[in-house]
Amino acid sequence: MGAEDGGRGPRAVEQFAHRRPRSALSDRVGRRPVFIGGALFMAAFAGPFFLMVDTRSPVLVCPALVVMMALGHGAVFGPLAAFYAELFPARVRYSGVSVGYQAGSVVLGGFTPMLATSVALWSGGASWSLMALVAAGALIAAATMAVAPETFRRSLDAEAGAAARDGAVSREAVTTPA
């Protein structure tokens, strides 16, 4: 497992060991607290993470990655699939999740590498600029989830009107013209 499999082996271990427990935790306490906790951890650990990576020592880089993936990444991405599925009523769930997820991936996935390169060049390669970028992104994610509705007790079979009353989506967003 490792380089010969493109890193998929270690990622599978991380997913099994860290995402699944965070997903299960979100089934008990809610999607938002687990996600927000993971995002706040990522913001707080961005500094130590980059300081450890800057040493270029495998003895420090490996634990930095394990801690960030286990406590931050696992807690953010563990409850995310369930949150997205519960956010929309069944009639528009596939489209709602797909459009939102893909639009976010295009915007953030497309511009983040360019932004990271720009701030690294602007700062003369200083890692504090990347620390700030990661921390800012994690804080934005936490703030966004803080204002999102909690979904973990919502029925996946809920009608559009019930979902709108719960604050998931507006009634107009789920009705179609006759």
Foldseek 3Di string as FASTA:
>chain_A
DDVVVPGVVVVVVLCVVAQQVLLVVCLPVFLLVLQLQLLQVQLVCLVVQVVQVVVVDPVRNVVSVSCNSRRRVSSNPNNVVVCLLQLAAPQCSVVSSVVVVVVVCCVCVVCVVVVVVVQCVVVVNDSVSVSVVSNVVSVVSSVVSVPAQTGSVHDNNDDLVVSCVSVSDPSVVRDDDD
